[in-house]
Protein backbone atom coordinates (compact mmCIF):
# COMPACT_ATOMS: atom_id res chain seq x y z
CA MET A 1 -34.45 -55.51 -63.94
CA ASN A 2 -37.49 -57.19 -65.44
CA LYS A 3 -40.19 -55.64 -67.63
CA GLN A 4 -42.59 -54.96 -64.75
CA GLU A 5 -39.92 -53.18 -62.72
CA LEU A 6 -38.98 -51.12 -65.75
CA LEU A 7 -42.59 -50.07 -66.39
CA LYS A 8 -43.06 -49.11 -62.73
CA LYS A 9 -39.90 -47.01 -62.68
CA PHE A 10 -40.86 -45.31 -65.93
CA GLY A 11 -44.36 -44.65 -64.59
CA LYS A 12 -42.94 -43.12 -61.44
CA ASN A 13 -40.77 -40.80 -63.54
CA VAL A 14 -43.80 -39.77 -65.61
CA LYS A 15 -45.80 -39.00 -62.47
CA ILE A 16 -42.97 -36.97 -60.91
CA GLU A 17 -42.50 -34.86 -64.03
CA ARG A 18 -46.27 -34.40 -64.52
CA ILE A 19 -46.65 -33.17 -60.94
CA LYS A 20 -43.63 -30.84 -61.31
CA LYS A 21 -45.44 -29.25 -64.26
CA ASP A 22 -48.59 -28.89 -62.11
CA LEU A 23 -50.66 -31.05 -64.46
CA THR A 24 -53.42 -33.45 -63.48
CA GLN A 25 -53.73 -36.80 -65.19
CA GLU A 26 -56.83 -35.44 -66.92
CA GLN A 27 -54.98 -32.39 -68.24
CA LEU A 28 -52.08 -34.46 -69.52
CA ALA A 29 -54.46 -36.92 -71.15
CA GLU A 30 -56.27 -34.09 -72.91
CA ILE A 31 -53.00 -32.57 -74.16
CA MET A 32 -51.86 -35.96 -75.48
CA ASN A 33 -55.28 -36.90 -76.87
CA VAL A 34 -55.45 -40.10 -74.80
CA SER A 35 -57.69 -41.20 -71.94
CA GLN A 36 -57.04 -40.36 -68.30
CA ASN A 37 -57.17 -44.10 -67.64
CA TYR A 38 -54.24 -44.61 -70.03
CA ILE A 39 -52.15 -42.03 -68.12
CA ALA A 40 -53.07 -43.69 -64.82
CA ASN A 41 -52.04 -47.09 -66.19
CA ILE A 42 -48.71 -45.68 -67.37
CA GLU A 43 -48.02 -44.16 -63.97
CA CYS A 44 -48.91 -47.45 -62.22
CA GLY A 45 -46.67 -49.49 -64.52
CA LYS A 46 -49.59 -51.35 -66.06
CA ALA A 47 -49.28 -50.00 -69.60
CA ASN A 48 -46.38 -49.80 -72.01
CA MET A 49 -45.80 -46.72 -74.18
CA SER A 50 -44.18 -46.80 -77.59
CA LEU A 51 -40.99 -44.81 -78.06
CA GLY A 52 -42.90 -42.37 -80.24
CA LYS A 53 -45.45 -41.73 -77.49
CA ILE A 54 -42.67 -41.33 -74.91
CA LEU A 55 -41.09 -38.66 -77.12
CA GLU A 56 -44.48 -36.91 -77.49
CA LEU A 57 -44.99 -37.07 -73.73
CA ALA A 58 -41.59 -35.48 -73.09
CA GLU A 59 -42.38 -32.72 -75.57
CA PHE A 60 -45.86 -32.09 -74.14
CA ILE A 61 -44.62 -31.71 -70.58
CA GLY A 62 -41.48 -29.87 -71.65
CA VAL A 63 -38.81 -32.19 -70.29
CA ASN A 64 -35.82 -33.92 -71.78
CA ILE A 65 -36.74 -37.50 -72.69
CA ASN A 66 -33.74 -38.67 -70.64
CA LEU A 67 -35.54 -37.63 -67.45
CA LEU A 68 -38.33 -40.05 -68.23
CA LEU A 69 -36.00 -42.88 -69.20
CA GLU A 70 -33.54 -42.49 -66.32
CA PHE A 71 -33.56 -45.50 -64.03
């Protein structure tokens, strides 16, 4: 698996969990204090999150971090 494939799979996991929590990209962005564009780029596999931000994301949407990092 290369970096681009990893980012796309991670982004797909983020999108699935966000939708399960009935959150829009805008709502998640507001909760995390980031732009909606940043969330969209994460979900499309175009942006890379730090481990700290991934942990924050998991906490904000109320999921175990393993769900986001499961490939």
